[in-house]
Amino acid sequence: MEEKNKEGCITLRPFELTDLSDVMAWVADDRVAQGCRWDAFHSREDGQSFLESSLIAHPWARAICLSGRPIGQMTFKQGSSIEPFRGEIGYALAYEHWGKGIATEALKMAVSAIFSEFPEIQRIDAVVIDWNVGSQKVLEKTGFVKEGLLRKQSYERGDCRYYSKNESFSKFHMI
């Protein structure tokens, strides 16, 4: 998958061990981690452990690459056997790339890939910390609909906004 914007070529691909130096640019940054479900990793050892256990081992984790170099991550987790028709998407992007449209383009690519790779998926959910307005805008630009406010929902960092995108809606509207 490849899209061009003014910053360069945006692609999604699986992570590799050789990505560690690039991955450290966002996993060691407190500004990025504050909007995620993990705290910043300040040692290469902790960063490598995260890369191996949470990104490489993840069933659907993709590096958001700009001109071939990882600058962020996109993950998708399918629902349980009780709810196999839905899943949750999450993403993080290196701070220096915020506000440039990269997360929006990467999310469009990921949603398209997920609906294609998982034909049973009808709904993709996303949970965003309430104060993270930038991430809420990314979701809204890609067709996600705000469904509600989740108070103290699994985050120590505050309330969350709940978004969803339905596959049937996506078929009839541009992503």
C-alpha atoms as a PDB file:
ATOM      1  CA  MET A   1       0.000   0.000   0.000  1.00  0.00           C
ATOM      2  CA  GLU A   2       1.380   3.351  -0.992  1.00  0.00           C
ATOM      3  CA  GLU A   3       0.129   6.932  -0.955  1.00  0.00           C
ATOM      4  CA  LYS A   4       1.970  10.153  -1.722  1.00  0.00           C
ATOM      5  CA  ASN A   5       1.578  13.408   0.141  1.00  0.00           C
ATOM      6  CA  LYS A   6       3.747  16.501   0.279  1.00  0.00           C
ATOM      7  CA  GLU A   7       6.033  14.804   2.815  1.00  0.00           C
ATOM      8  CA  GLY A   8       6.821  11.769   0.643  1.00  0.00           C
ATOM      9  CA  CYS A   9       5.651   8.217   0.044  1.00  0.00           C
ATOM     10  CA  ILE A  10       3.549   6.722   2.872  1.00  0.00           C
ATOM     11  CA  THR A  11       3.430   2.936   3.152  1.00  0.00           C
ATOM     12  CA  LEU A  12       2.363   0.317   5.684  1.00  0.00           C
ATOM     13  CA  ARG A  13       4.399  -2.826   6.259  1.00  0.00           C
ATOM     14  CA  PRO A  14       5.082  -5.404   8.993  1.00  0.00           C
ATOM     15  CA  PHE A  15       7.751  -4.505  11.549  1.00  0.00           C
ATOM     16  CA  GLU A  16      11.279  -5.951  11.511  1.00  0.00           C
ATOM     17  CA  LEU A  17      13.971  -6.141  14.204  1.00  0.00           C
ATOM     18  CA  THR A  18      16.084  -3.735  12.149  1.00  0.00           C
ATOM     19  CA  ASP A  19      13.440  -1.035  12.800  1.00  0.00           C
ATOM     20  CA  LEU A  20      14.512  -0.537  16.432  1.00  0.00           C
ATOM     21  CA  SER A  21      16.356   2.784  15.986  1.00  0.00           C
ATOM     22  CA  ASP A  22      13.429   4.279  14.087  1.00  0.00           C
ATOM     23  CA  VAL A  23      10.857   2.858  16.532  1.00  0.00           C
ATOM     24  CA  MET A  24      12.691   4.475  19.459  1.00  0.00           C
ATOM     25  CA  ALA A  25      11.887   7.897  17.953  1.00  0.00           C
ATOM     26  CA  TRP A  26       8.256   7.571  19.036  1.00  0.00           C
ATOM     27  CA  VAL A  27       8.198   4.944  21.796  1.00  0.00           C
ATOM     28  CA  ALA A  28      10.735   6.947  23.844  1.00  0.00           C
ATOM     29  CA  ASP A  29       8.819  10.232  23.415  1.00  0.00           C
ATOM     30  CA  ASP A  30       6.554  11.164  26.332  1.00  0.00           C
ATOM     31  CA  ARG A  31       4.457  13.402  24.037  1.00  0.00           C
ATOM     32  CA  VAL A  32       3.537  10.358  21.932  1.00  0.00           C
ATOM     33  CA  ALA A  33       3.173   7.904  24.824  1.00  0.00           C
ATOM     34  CA  GLN A  34       0.778  10.139  26.767  1.00  0.00           C
ATOM     35  CA  GLY A  35      -1.872   9.419  24.130  1.00  0.00           C
ATOM     36  CA  CYS A  36      -1.225   5.662  24.108  1.00  0.00           C
ATOM     37  CA  ARG A  37      -1.859   2.711  26.370  1.00  0.00           C
ATOM     38  CA  TRP A  38       1.855   2.410  27.150  1.00  0.00           C
ATOM     39  CA  ASP A  39       4.387   4.605  28.902  1.00  0.00           C
ATOM     40  CA  ALA A  40       7.465   5.834  27.052  1.00  0.00           C
ATOM     41  CA  PHE A  41      10.336   3.345  26.827  1.00  0.00           C
ATOM     42  CA  HIS A  42      13.584   5.142  27.598  1.00  0.00           C
ATOM     43  CA  SER A  43      16.063   2.275  27.175  1.00  0.00           C
ATOM     44  CA  ARG A  44      16.880   0.443  23.937  1.00  0.00           C
ATOM     45  CA  GLU A  45      16.299  -2.844  25.774  1.00  0.00           C
ATOM     46  CA  ASP A  46      12.759  -1.845  26.753  1.00  0.00           C
ATOM     47  CA  GLY A  47      12.143  -0.501  23.254  1.00  0.00           C
ATOM     48  CA  GLN A  48      13.372  -3.741  21.708  1.00  0.00           C
ATOM     49  CA  SER A  49      11.172  -5.779  24.024  1.00  0.00           C
ATOM     50  CA  PHE A  50       8.167  -3.653  22.976  1.00  0.00           C
ATOM     51  CA  LEU A  51       9.090  -4.008  19.297  1.00  0.00           C
ATOM     52  CA  GLU A  52       9.380  -7.797  19.576  1.00  0.00           C
ATOM     53  CA  SER A  53       6.427  -8.555  21.857  1.00  0.00           C
ATOM     54  CA  SER A  54       3.921  -5.859  20.917  1.00  0.00           C
ATOM     55  CA  LEU A  55       4.643  -5.096  17.261  1.00  0.00           C
ATOM     56  CA  ILE A  56       6.444  -7.979  15.552  1.00  0.00           C
ATOM     57  CA  ALA A  57       4.455 -10.637  17.427  1.00  0.00           C
ATOM     58  CA  HIS A  58       1.143  -8.794  16.971  1.00  0.00           C
ATOM     59  CA  PRO A  59      -1.184 -10.478  14.427  1.00  0.00           C
ATOM     60  CA  TRP A  60      -1.809  -7.163  12.589  1.00  0.00           C
ATOM     61  CA  ALA A  61       0.725  -4.452  13.398  1.00  0.00           C
ATOM     62  CA  ARG A  62       2.130  -2.289  10.629  1.00  0.00           C
ATOM     63  CA  ALA A  63       4.880   0.267  10.514  1.00  0.00           C
ATOM     64  CA  ILE A  64       3.726   3.597   9.132  1.00  0.00           C
ATOM     65  CA  CYS A  65       6.629   4.376   6.821  1.00  0.00           C
ATOM     66  CA  LEU A  66       7.589   7.633   5.179  1.00  0.00           C
ATOM     67  CA  SER A  67       9.868   7.080   2.193  1.00  0.00           C
ATOM     68  CA  GLY A  68      10.594   3.578   3.525  1.00  0.00           C
ATOM     69  CA  ARG A  69      11.462   4.490   7.150  1.00  0.00           C
ATOM     70  CA  PRO A  70       9.127   3.696  10.081  1.00  0.00           C
ATOM     71  CA  ILE A  71       7.718   6.827  11.722  1.00  0.00           C
ATOM     72  CA  GLY A  72       4.775   5.281  13.538  1.00  0.00           C
ATOM     73  CA  GLN A  73       2.640   2.245  14.148  1.00  0.00           C
ATOM     74  CA  MET A  74      -0.839   1.020  13.277  1.00  0.00           C
ATOM     75  CA  THR A  75      -2.407  -1.981  15.037  1.00  0.00           C
ATOM     76  CA  PHE A  76      -5.685  -3.822  14.598  1.00  0.00           C
ATOM     77  CA  LYS A  77      -7.101  -6.403  16.972  1.00  0.00           C
ATOM     78  CA  GLN A  78     -10.070  -8.476  15.866  1.00  0.00           C
ATOM     79  CA  GLY A  79     -12.838  -9.055  18.376  1.00  0.00           C
ATOM     80  CA  SER A  80     -13.230 -12.263  20.322  1.00  0.00           C
ATOM     81  CA  SER A  81     -14.967 -15.377  19.014  1.00  0.00           C
ATOM     82  CA  ILE A  82     -18.178 -13.867  20.379  1.00  0.00           C
ATOM     83  CA  GLU A  83     -17.703 -10.706  18.266  1.00  0.00           C
ATOM     84  CA  PRO A  84     -15.535 -11.681  15.277  1.00  0.00           C
ATOM     85  CA  PHE A  85     -17.285  -9.097  13.078  1.00  0.00           C
ATOM     86  CA  ARG A  86     -15.609  -6.146  14.843  1.00  0.00           C
ATOM     87  CA  GLY A  87     -12.176  -5.041  15.926  1.00  0.00           C
ATOM     88  CA  GLU A  88     -10.233  -2.113  17.349  1.00  0.00           C
ATOM     89  CA  ILE A  89      -7.620  -0.008  15.603  1.00  0.00           C
ATOM     90  CA  GLY A  90      -4.920   2.066  17.235  1.00  0.00           C
ATOM     91  CA  TYR A  91      -2.020   4.151  16.017  1.00  0.00           C
ATOM     92  CA  ALA A  92       0.905   6.283  17.119  1.00  0.00           C
ATOM     93  CA  LEU A  93       3.059   8.627  15.088  1.00  0.00           C
ATOM     94  CA  ALA A  94       6.427  10.248  15.843  1.00  0.00           C
ATOM     95  CA  TYR A  95       5.856  13.780  17.155  1.00  0.00           C
ATOM     96  CA  GLU A  96       7.802  15.491  14.367  1.00  0.00           C
ATOM     97  CA  HIS A  97       5.240  14.154  11.865  1.00  0.00           C
ATOM     98  CA  TRP A  98       2.097  15.348  13.660  1.00  0.00           C
ATOM     99  CA  GLY A  99      -0.209  17.707  11.781  1.00  0.00           C
ATOM    100  CA  LYS A 100       1.035  16.814   8.289  1.00  0.00           C
ATOM    101  CA  GLY A 101      -1.779  14.500   7.172  1.00  0.00           C
ATOM    102  CA  ILE A 102       0.354  11.370   7.497  1.00  0.00           C
ATOM    103  CA  ALA A 103      -1.780   9.692  10.185  1.00  0.00           C
ATOM    104  CA  THR A 104      -4.916  10.391   8.139  1.00  0.00           C
ATOM    105  CA  GLU A 105      -3.448   8.819   4.985  1.00  0.00           C
ATOM    106  CA  ALA A 106      -2.063   5.846   6.926  1.00  0.00           C
ATOM    107  CA  LEU A 107      -5.415   5.263   8.635  1.00  0.00           C
ATOM    108  CA  LYS A 108      -7.235   5.339   5.289  1.00  0.00           C
ATOM    109  CA  MET A 109      -4.805   2.725   3.986  1.00  0.00           C
ATOM    110  CA  ALA A 110      -5.144   0.559   7.103  1.00  0.00           C
ATOM    111  CA  VAL A 111      -8.959   0.630   7.106  1.00  0.00           C
ATOM    112  CA  SER A 112      -9.040  -0.348   3.440  1.00  0.00           C
ATOM    113  CA  ALA A 113      -6.572  -3.201   4.065  1.00  0.00           C
ATOM    114  CA  ILE A 114      -8.455  -4.464   7.125  1.00  0.00           C
ATOM    115  CA  PHE A 115     -11.825  -4.591   5.363  1.00  0.00           C
ATOM    116  CA  SER A 116     -10.112  -6.413   2.478  1.00  0.00           C
ATOM    117  CA  GLU A 117      -8.021  -8.852   4.558  1.00  0.00           C
ATOM    118  CA  PHE A 118     -10.779  -9.636   7.068  1.00  0.00           C
ATOM    119  CA  PRO A 119     -14.014 -10.099   5.057  1.00  0.00           C
ATOM    120  CA  GLU A 120     -15.939 -10.905   8.245  1.00  0.00           C
ATOM    121  CA  ILE A 121     -15.147  -7.485   9.760  1.00  0.00           C
ATOM    122  CA  GLN A 122     -18.114  -5.131   9.584  1.00  0.00           C
ATOM    123  CA  ARG A 123     -17.057  -2.562  12.175  1.00  0.00           C
ATOM    124  CA  ILE A 124     -13.775  -1.006  13.295  1.00  0.00           C
ATOM    125  CA  ASP A 125     -13.693   0.797  16.633  1.00  0.00           C
ATOM    126  CA  ALA A 126     -11.179   3.323  17.970  1.00  0.00           C
ATOM    127  CA  VAL A 127     -10.781   4.751  21.467  1.00  0.00           C
ATOM    128  CA  VAL A 128      -9.058   8.124  21.866  1.00  0.00           C
ATOM    129  CA  ILE A 129      -8.179  10.026  25.026  1.00  0.00           C
ATOM    130  CA  ASP A 130     -10.618  12.927  25.312  1.00  0.00           C
ATOM    131  CA  TRP A 131      -7.999  15.694  25.174  1.00  0.00           C
ATOM    132  CA  ASN A 132      -6.346  14.276  22.030  1.00  0.00           C
ATOM    133  CA  VAL A 133      -8.252  16.469  19.582  1.00  0.00           C
ATOM    134  CA  GLY A 134      -5.716  15.878  16.787  1.00  0.00           C
ATOM    135  CA  SER A 135      -6.352  12.148  16.825  1.00  0.00           C
ATOM    136  CA  GLN A 136     -10.104  12.712  16.932  1.00  0.00           C
ATOM    137  CA  LYS A 137      -9.785  14.830  13.779  1.00  0.00           C
ATOM    138  CA  VAL A 138      -7.796  12.052  12.070  1.00  0.00           C
ATOM    139  CA  LEU A 139     -10.604   9.595  12.803  1.00  0.00           C
ATOM    140  CA  GLU A 140     -13.312  11.990  11.623  1.00  0.00           C
ATOM    141  CA  LYS A 141     -11.429  12.770   8.373  1.00  0.00           C
ATOM    142  CA  THR A 142     -11.343   9.038   7.596  1.00  0.00           C
ATOM    143  CA  GLY A 143     -15.066   8.540   8.132  1.00  0.00           C
ATOM    144  CA  PHE A 144     -15.165   7.346  11.738  1.00  0.00           C
ATOM    145  CA  VAL A 145     -18.213   8.494  13.696  1.00  0.00           C
ATOM    146  CA  LYS A 146     -18.017   9.673  17.301  1.00  0.00           C
ATOM    147  CA  GLU A 147     -20.327   7.468  19.343  1.00  0.00           C
ATOM    148  CA  GLY A 148     -19.753   8.617  22.876  1.00  0.00           C
ATOM    149  CA  LEU A 149     -17.675   9.484  25.910  1.00  0.00           C
ATOM    150  CA  LEU A 150     -16.225   6.712  28.048  1.00  0.00           C
ATOM    151  CA  ARG A 151     -15.427   7.989  31.522  1.00  0.00           C
ATOM    152  CA  LYS A 152     -12.196   6.609  33.016  1.00  0.00           C
ATOM    153  CA  GLN A 153     -12.258   3.796  30.475  1.00  0.00           C
ATOM    154  CA  SER A 154      -9.089   1.713  31.105  1.00  0.00           C
ATOM    155  CA  TYR A 155      -6.846   4.773  30.927  1.00  0.00           C
ATOM    156  CA  GLU A 156      -5.216   6.497  33.847  1.00  0.00           C
ATOM    157  CA  ARG A 157      -4.823   9.466  31.522  1.00  0.00           C
ATOM    158  CA  GLY A 158      -8.476  10.563  31.413  1.00  0.00           C
ATOM    159  CA  ASP A 159     -11.810  10.069  29.731  1.00  0.00           C
ATOM    160  CA  CYS A 160     -11.954   8.627  26.215  1.00  0.00           C
ATOM    161  CA  ARG A 161     -13.956   9.227  23.064  1.00  0.00           C
ATOM    162  CA  TYR A 162     -15.337   6.181  21.284  1.00  0.00           C
ATOM    163  CA  TYR A 163     -15.421   6.109  17.474  1.00  0.00           C
ATOM    164  CA  SER A 164     -16.496   3.530  14.912  1.00  0.00           C
ATOM    165  CA  LYS A 165     -16.481   2.947  11.183  1.00  0.00           C
ATOM    166  CA  ASN A 166     -18.851   0.460   9.579  1.00  0.00           C
ATOM    167  CA  GLU A 167     -17.828  -1.543   6.527  1.00  0.00           C
ATOM    168  CA  SER A 168     -21.211  -1.241   4.826  1.00  0.00           C
ATOM    169  CA  PHE A 169     -21.035   2.543   5.144  1.00  0.00           C
ATOM    170  CA  SER A 170     -17.464   2.523   3.766  1.00  0.00           C
ATOM    171  CA  LYS A 171     -18.541   0.709   0.599  1.00  0.00           C
ATOM    172  CA  PHE A 172     -20.761   3.613  -0.407  1.00  0.00           C
ATOM    173  CA  HIS A 173     -18.597   6.526   0.733  1.00  0.00           C
ATOM    174  CA  MET A 174     -15.055   7.488  -0.073  1.00  0.00           C
ATOM    175  CA  ILE A 175     -12.657   6.719   2.767  1.00  0.00           C
END
